[in-house]
């Protein structure tokens, strides 16, 4: 396995950035859904 592979490293960085951005978004969405359900009469 070659050690130097910029494309794979770039992809990993993009995946990590996307995951770190998506996870909080999912938590916020879940909170909004919960609040909406609790506020419904």
Protein backbone atom coordinates (compact mmCIF):
# COMPACT_ATOMS: atom_id res chain seq x y z
CA UNK A 1 0.00 0.00 0.00
CA UNK A 2 1.52 3.34 -1.06
CA UNK A 3 1.75 5.81 1.79
CA UNK A 4 1.36 8.99 -0.25
CA UNK A 5 -2.14 9.19 -1.72
CA UNK A 6 -3.47 12.79 -1.74
CA UNK A 7 -6.84 11.92 -3.38
CA UNK A 8 -7.73 9.38 -0.69
CA UNK A 9 -6.59 11.77 2.06
CA UNK A 10 -8.64 14.57 0.48
CA UNK A 11 -11.68 12.31 0.32
CA UNK A 12 -11.24 11.32 3.95
CA UNK A 13 -11.00 14.97 4.92
CA UNK A 14 -14.15 15.79 2.95
CA UNK A 15 -16.01 12.87 4.51
CA UNK A 16 -14.91 13.92 7.99
CA UNK A 17 -15.96 17.53 7.33
CA UNK A 18 -19.32 16.43 5.93
CA UNK A 19 -19.90 14.08 8.87
CA UNK A 20 -19.00 16.74 11.40
CA UNK A 21 -21.43 19.12 9.66
CA UNK A 22 -24.24 16.59 9.16
CA UNK A 23 -24.26 15.13 12.68
CA UNK A 24 -25.13 18.45 14.43
CA UNK A 25 -27.69 19.13 11.68
CA UNK A 26 -29.40 15.82 12.42
CA UNK A 27 -29.46 16.60 16.14
CA UNK A 28 -30.99 20.03 15.47
CA UNK A 29 -33.55 18.50 13.10
CA UNK A 30 -34.47 15.88 15.71
CA UNK A 31 -34.89 18.60 18.32
CA UNK A 32 -37.11 20.63 15.97
CA UNK A 33 -39.23 17.56 15.18
CA UNK A 34 -39.59 16.77 18.89
CA UNK A 35 -40.55 20.35 19.74
CA UNK A 36 -43.04 20.41 16.84
CA UNK A 37 -44.64 17.16 18.03
CA UNK A 38 -44.86 18.39 21.62
CA UNK A 39 -46.34 21.74 20.53
CA UNK A 40 -49.07 20.10 18.45
CA UNK A 41 -52.46 20.15 20.24
